[in-house]
């Protein structure tokens, strides 16, 4: 089980466009040794940024790899080592984004892209839109992502303190949603109020009548739903939800 991240790719071929959402401590496993076209960062918590140093001279030695983030996140990177060194040495190039801004992802393939139709030489493209959410502002603000393909839309929300109407509207608007499943219930840890996340049980109650295909990610090690043979996992599945698995692929 690896730390939560999402790979956006056009196809399984070597030339495929590949973007990573969040640079986790498990990044070397999650990118599978291949190169990347860019990275989207959701926020500054360690589990979502600790993989950035792998782009440095001692590892992948990337050249101006595009990193898309908020102004808060950019400031955090430029004022803290070892992240600052990556930008100063030209391993990464930071692109400051705003809430609601949509970033186009252009296909490398000459064949029909799995992403939505875009402009430019008949190539296909997808898009990733930044959607700000409420999460503990430790170091930076937090965003979620609305990802559009040629046929379907996926909403990715790995971290949130509690459900808001705006966040629920984002889930409702997508065909598929991968959302924060950190805890199954509040009783898993004795300091829940210090690290709040919407519990899976509560999320199911709030969204069970949505038409969206909802899957849970970012499960804490205390979450009993991590075990495939657990009663909690069976309850999730019986209610029409899923827990994401390493290597799961979803075509958009």
Protein backbone atom coordinates (compact mmCIF):
# COMPACT_ATOMS: atom_id res chain seq x y z
CA UNK A 1 0.00 0.00 0.00
CA UNK A 2 1.53 3.29 -1.13
CA UNK A 3 0.78 6.89 -0.18
CA UNK A 4 -2.13 8.34 -2.18
CA UNK A 5 -1.26 9.74 -5.62
CA UNK A 6 -2.77 9.75 -9.10
CA UNK A 7 -1.09 9.31 -12.48
CA UNK A 8 -2.72 10.88 -15.53
CA UNK A 9 -1.61 9.27 -18.77
CA UNK A 10 -2.81 9.09 -22.33
CA UNK A 11 -2.13 5.41 -22.82
CA UNK A 12 0.27 2.65 -21.85
CA UNK A 13 2.80 3.36 -24.58
CA UNK A 14 6.28 4.74 -23.94
CA UNK A 15 5.42 8.06 -25.61
CA UNK A 16 2.32 8.58 -23.49
CA UNK A 17 1.68 11.94 -21.86
CA UNK A 18 2.18 11.43 -18.10
CA UNK A 19 1.30 13.82 -15.28
CA UNK A 20 1.43 13.01 -11.58
CA UNK A 21 -0.88 14.43 -8.94
CA UNK A 22 1.16 14.84 -5.73
CA UNK A 23 4.78 13.86 -5.20
CA UNK A 24 4.64 11.34 -2.36
CA UNK A 25 7.43 9.50 -0.50
CA UNK A 26 6.59 6.48 -2.70
CA UNK A 27 7.11 8.37 -5.96
CA UNK A 28 9.78 5.99 -7.28
CA UNK A 29 7.22 3.18 -7.29
CA UNK A 30 4.34 5.30 -8.53
CA UNK A 31 6.05 6.57 -11.68
CA UNK A 32 7.48 3.14 -12.48
CA UNK A 33 10.82 4.46 -13.67
CA UNK A 34 9.28 6.47 -16.52
CA UNK A 35 9.64 10.18 -17.17
CA UNK A 36 6.97 12.77 -16.43
CA UNK A 37 5.57 15.76 -18.30
CA UNK A 38 4.52 17.53 -15.12
CA UNK A 39 3.26 17.38 -11.55
CA UNK A 40 0.19 18.89 -9.88
CA UNK A 41 0.49 19.57 -6.14
CA UNK A 42 -2.58 19.63 -3.91
CA UNK A 43 -0.97 21.07 -0.76
CA UNK A 44 2.16 21.23 1.37
CA UNK A 45 1.71 18.38 3.82
CA UNK A 46 4.71 16.04 3.87
CA UNK A 47 2.89 13.03 2.44
CA UNK A 48 2.16 15.01 -0.72
CA UNK A 49 5.54 16.72 -1.26
CA UNK A 50 8.26 14.40 0.09
CA UNK A 51 8.80 12.93 -3.38
CA UNK A 52 9.90 16.23 -4.92
CA UNK A 53 13.62 15.74 -4.04
CA UNK A 54 13.67 12.70 -6.36
CA UNK A 55 13.63 15.19 -9.25
CA UNK A 56 17.02 16.49 -8.13
CA UNK A 57 20.55 15.89 -9.38
CA UNK A 58 21.10 12.77 -7.26
CA UNK A 59 18.10 10.94 -8.72
CA UNK A 60 16.00 11.73 -11.84
CA UNK A 61 17.89 14.97 -12.60
CA UNK A 62 14.90 16.49 -14.38
CA UNK A 63 15.18 19.60 -16.53
CA UNK A 64 12.54 22.28 -15.90
CA UNK A 65 9.83 19.77 -15.04
CA UNK A 66 6.54 21.68 -14.88
CA UNK A 67 5.08 21.79 -11.36
CA UNK A 68 1.61 23.34 -11.05
CA UNK A 69 0.63 24.72 -7.66
CA UNK A 70 -1.06 27.59 -5.84
CA UNK A 71 0.69 30.81 -4.85
CA UNK A 72 0.91 29.54 -1.26
CA UNK A 73 2.55 26.33 -2.40
CA UNK A 74 4.99 28.19 -4.64
CA UNK A 75 6.04 30.44 -1.76
CA UNK A 76 6.51 27.42 0.50
CA UNK A 77 8.76 25.69 -2.05
CA UNK A 78 10.85 28.81 -2.67
CA UNK A 79 11.44 29.36 1.05
CA UNK A 80 12.25 25.84 2.21
CA UNK A 81 15.04 23.38 1.53
CA UNK A 82 15.43 20.97 -0.16
CA UNK A 83 12.54 22.09 -2.39
CA UNK A 84 14.02 25.54 -3.02
CA UNK A 85 17.19 24.02 -4.48
CA UNK A 86 15.18 22.12 -7.10
CA UNK A 87 13.83 25.38 -8.50
CA UNK A 88 17.14 27.25 -8.24
CA UNK A 89 18.98 24.51 -10.14
CA UNK A 90 16.31 24.30 -12.82
CA UNK A 91 15.11 20.79 -12.03
CA UNK A 92 11.54 22.06 -11.66
CA UNK A 93 9.70 25.06 -13.06
CA UNK A 94 6.86 26.35 -10.91
CA UNK A 95 3.59 27.42 -12.53
CA UNK A 96 1.38 29.44 -10.18
CA UNK A 97 -2.31 28.62 -10.56
CA UNK A 98 -5.55 30.10 -9.26
CA UNK A 99 -8.75 28.58 -7.94
CA UNK A 100 -10.87 27.59 -10.94
CA UNK A 101 -7.98 27.72 -13.41
CA UNK A 102 -7.97 24.92 -15.98
CA UNK A 103 -4.68 23.51 -17.27
CA UNK A 104 -4.72 21.86 -20.70
CA UNK A 105 -2.87 18.58 -21.17
CA UNK A 106 -1.87 18.08 -24.79
CA UNK A 107 -1.62 14.59 -26.24
CA UNK A 108 1.70 13.30 -27.58
CA UNK A 109 -0.01 10.56 -29.55
CA UNK A 110 -0.71 10.82 -33.26
CA UNK A 111 -3.67 8.54 -32.74
CA UNK A 112 -6.94 9.46 -31.09
CA UNK A 113 -6.38 10.63 -27.54
CA UNK A 114 -8.25 9.36 -24.51
CA UNK A 115 -8.49 12.96 -23.35
CA UNK A 116 -11.01 15.52 -24.53
CA UNK A 117 -10.62 17.24 -27.89
CA UNK A 118 -8.38 20.28 -27.75
CA UNK A 119 -6.87 22.90 -29.99
CA UNK A 120 -3.65 22.63 -31.94
CA UNK A 121 -2.76 20.40 -34.90
CA UNK A 122 -5.68 18.09 -34.35
CA UNK A 123 -4.12 16.63 -31.20
CA UNK A 124 -6.30 15.53 -28.34
CA UNK A 125 -5.97 17.04 -24.92
CA UNK A 126 -7.31 16.73 -21.40
CA UNK A 127 -7.64 19.29 -18.67
CA UNK A 128 -7.09 19.58 -14.95
CA UNK A 129 -8.96 22.29 -13.05
CA UNK A 130 -7.91 23.50 -9.59
CA UNK A 131 -10.72 23.59 -7.01
CA UNK A 132 -9.86 25.01 -3.58
CA UNK A 133 -11.08 23.12 -0.50
CA UNK A 134 -10.98 23.51 3.28
CA UNK A 135 -8.08 21.63 4.87
CA UNK A 136 -5.71 22.42 7.72
CA UNK A 137 -3.56 25.33 6.50
CA UNK A 138 -0.27 23.90 7.68
CA UNK A 139 2.32 25.48 5.34
CA UNK A 140 -0.10 26.04 2.42
CA UNK A 141 -3.68 26.07 1.23
CA UNK A 142 -5.25 22.94 -0.32
CA UNK A 143 -6.82 22.20 -3.68
CA UNK A 144 -8.70 19.35 -5.31
CA UNK A 145 -8.79 18.61 -9.03
CA UNK A 146 -11.53 18.24 -11.63
CA UNK A 147 -10.05 16.12 -14.42
CA UNK A 148 -11.80 16.05 -17.79
CA UNK A 149 -11.36 13.38 -20.44
CA UNK A 150 -13.03 12.76 -23.79
CA UNK A 151 -15.98 10.92 -22.28
CA UNK A 152 -15.95 11.27 -18.51
CA UNK A 153 -14.96 13.59 -15.68
CA UNK A 154 -13.12 12.55 -12.52
CA UNK A 155 -13.00 14.60 -9.32
CA UNK A 156 -9.93 13.97 -7.13
CA UNK A 157 -10.08 15.10 -3.50
CA UNK A 158 -7.43 13.45 -1.35
CA UNK A 159 -7.66 15.74 1.70
CA UNK A 160 -10.42 17.78 3.31
CA UNK A 161 -11.34 18.65 6.91
CA UNK A 162 -15.08 18.26 6.48
CA UNK A 163 -17.64 18.18 3.71
CA UNK A 164 -18.89 21.54 2.48
CA UNK A 165 -21.70 22.16 0.01
CA UNK A 166 -19.16 23.28 -2.57
CA UNK A 167 -17.12 20.08 -2.23
CA UNK A 168 -20.25 17.93 -2.40
CA UNK A 169 -21.33 19.80 -5.53
CA UNK A 170 -17.98 18.94 -7.12
CA UNK A 171 -18.51 15.26 -6.32
CA UNK A 172 -22.05 15.38 -7.68
CA UNK A 173 -20.90 17.04 -10.92
CA UNK A 174 -18.36 14.31 -11.78
CA UNK A 175 -18.87 10.88 -13.30
CA UNK A 176 -16.25 9.45 -10.95
CA UNK A 177 -14.92 10.82 -7.66
CA UNK A 178 -11.88 9.64 -5.73
CA UNK A 179 -12.23 11.17 -2.29
CA UNK A 180 -10.69 11.37 1.17
CA UNK A 181 -11.18 8.11 3.06
CA UNK A 182 -8.59 8.69 5.79
CA UNK A 183 -10.73 7.34 8.63
CA UNK A 184 -13.63 4.92 8.68
CA UNK A 185 -14.92 6.44 11.93
CA UNK A 186 -13.82 8.97 14.54
CA UNK A 187 -12.86 6.37 17.15
CA UNK A 188 -9.75 5.13 15.30
CA UNK A 189 -7.44 7.67 16.95
CA UNK A 190 -7.62 9.65 20.18
CA UNK A 191 -6.67 12.95 18.54
CA UNK A 192 -9.22 13.04 15.75
CA UNK A 193 -10.06 16.70 16.45
CA UNK A 194 -6.44 17.65 15.72
CA UNK A 195 -6.42 15.92 12.31
CA UNK A 196 -10.05 15.97 11.14
CA UNK A 197 -11.18 14.23 7.96
CA UNK A 198 -14.71 13.24 6.93
CA UNK A 199 -15.17 9.62 7.99
CA UNK A 200 -16.10 7.10 5.33
CA UNK A 201 -19.33 6.26 7.17
CA UNK A 202 -20.38 9.93 7.06
CA UNK A 203 -19.39 10.33 3.41
CA UNK A 204 -21.52 7.34 2.45
CA UNK A 205 -24.51 8.83 4.27
CA UNK A 206 -24.08 12.17 2.48
CA UNK A 207 -23.49 10.83 -1.03
CA UNK A 208 -25.31 7.51 -1.27
CA UNK A 209 -27.98 8.96 -3.56
CA UNK A 210 -25.43 10.57 -5.93
CA UNK A 211 -25.11 9.11 -9.42
CA UNK A 212 -21.33 9.56 -9.16
CA UNK A 213 -19.13 6.45 -8.93
CA UNK A 214 -17.32 7.17 -5.64
CA UNK A 215 -14.06 5.56 -4.53
CA UNK A 216 -12.06 6.15 -1.34
CA UNK A 217 -8.34 6.91 -1.17
CA UNK A 218 -5.80 8.24 1.38
CA UNK A 219 -6.73 5.59 4.00
CA UNK A 220 -4.83 5.92 7.28
CA UNK A 221 -3.03 2.87 8.69
CA UNK A 222 -5.67 2.77 11.45
CA UNK A 223 -8.53 2.43 8.97
CA UNK A 224 -9.97 -1.12 9.14
CA UNK A 225 -11.21 -0.79 5.55
CA UNK A 226 -7.60 -1.24 4.42
CA UNK A 227 -8.13 -4.97 4.97
CA UNK A 228 -9.98 -6.53 2.07
CA UNK A 229 -11.54 -9.17 4.33
CA UNK A 230 -12.79 -6.67 6.92
CA UNK A 231 -16.43 -6.08 7.76
CA UNK A 232 -15.89 -2.38 7.03
CA UNK A 233 -14.65 -3.10 3.49
CA UNK A 234 -17.66 -5.33 2.85
CA UNK A 235 -19.98 -2.61 4.13
CA UNK A 236 -18.42 -0.06 1.77
CA UNK A 237 -18.86 -2.38 -1.20
CA UNK A 238 -22.38 -3.40 -0.22
CA UNK A 239 -23.37 0.27 -0.18
CA UNK A 240 -22.09 0.71 -3.76
CA UNK A 241 -18.71 2.35 -3.03
CA UNK A 242 -15.11 1.19 -3.52
CA UNK A 243 -11.65 1.53 -2.00
CA UNK A 244 -9.01 2.28 -4.63
CA UNK A 245 -6.25 -0.26 -5.20
CA UNK A 246 -2.63 0.21 -6.22
CA UNK A 247 -2.44 0.13 -10.02
CA UNK A 248 -6.17 0.70 -10.56
CA UNK A 249 -6.78 2.22 -14.01
CA UNK A 250 -9.77 4.35 -14.97
CA UNK A 251 -10.39 5.43 -18.56
CA UNK A 252 -11.77 8.91 -19.07
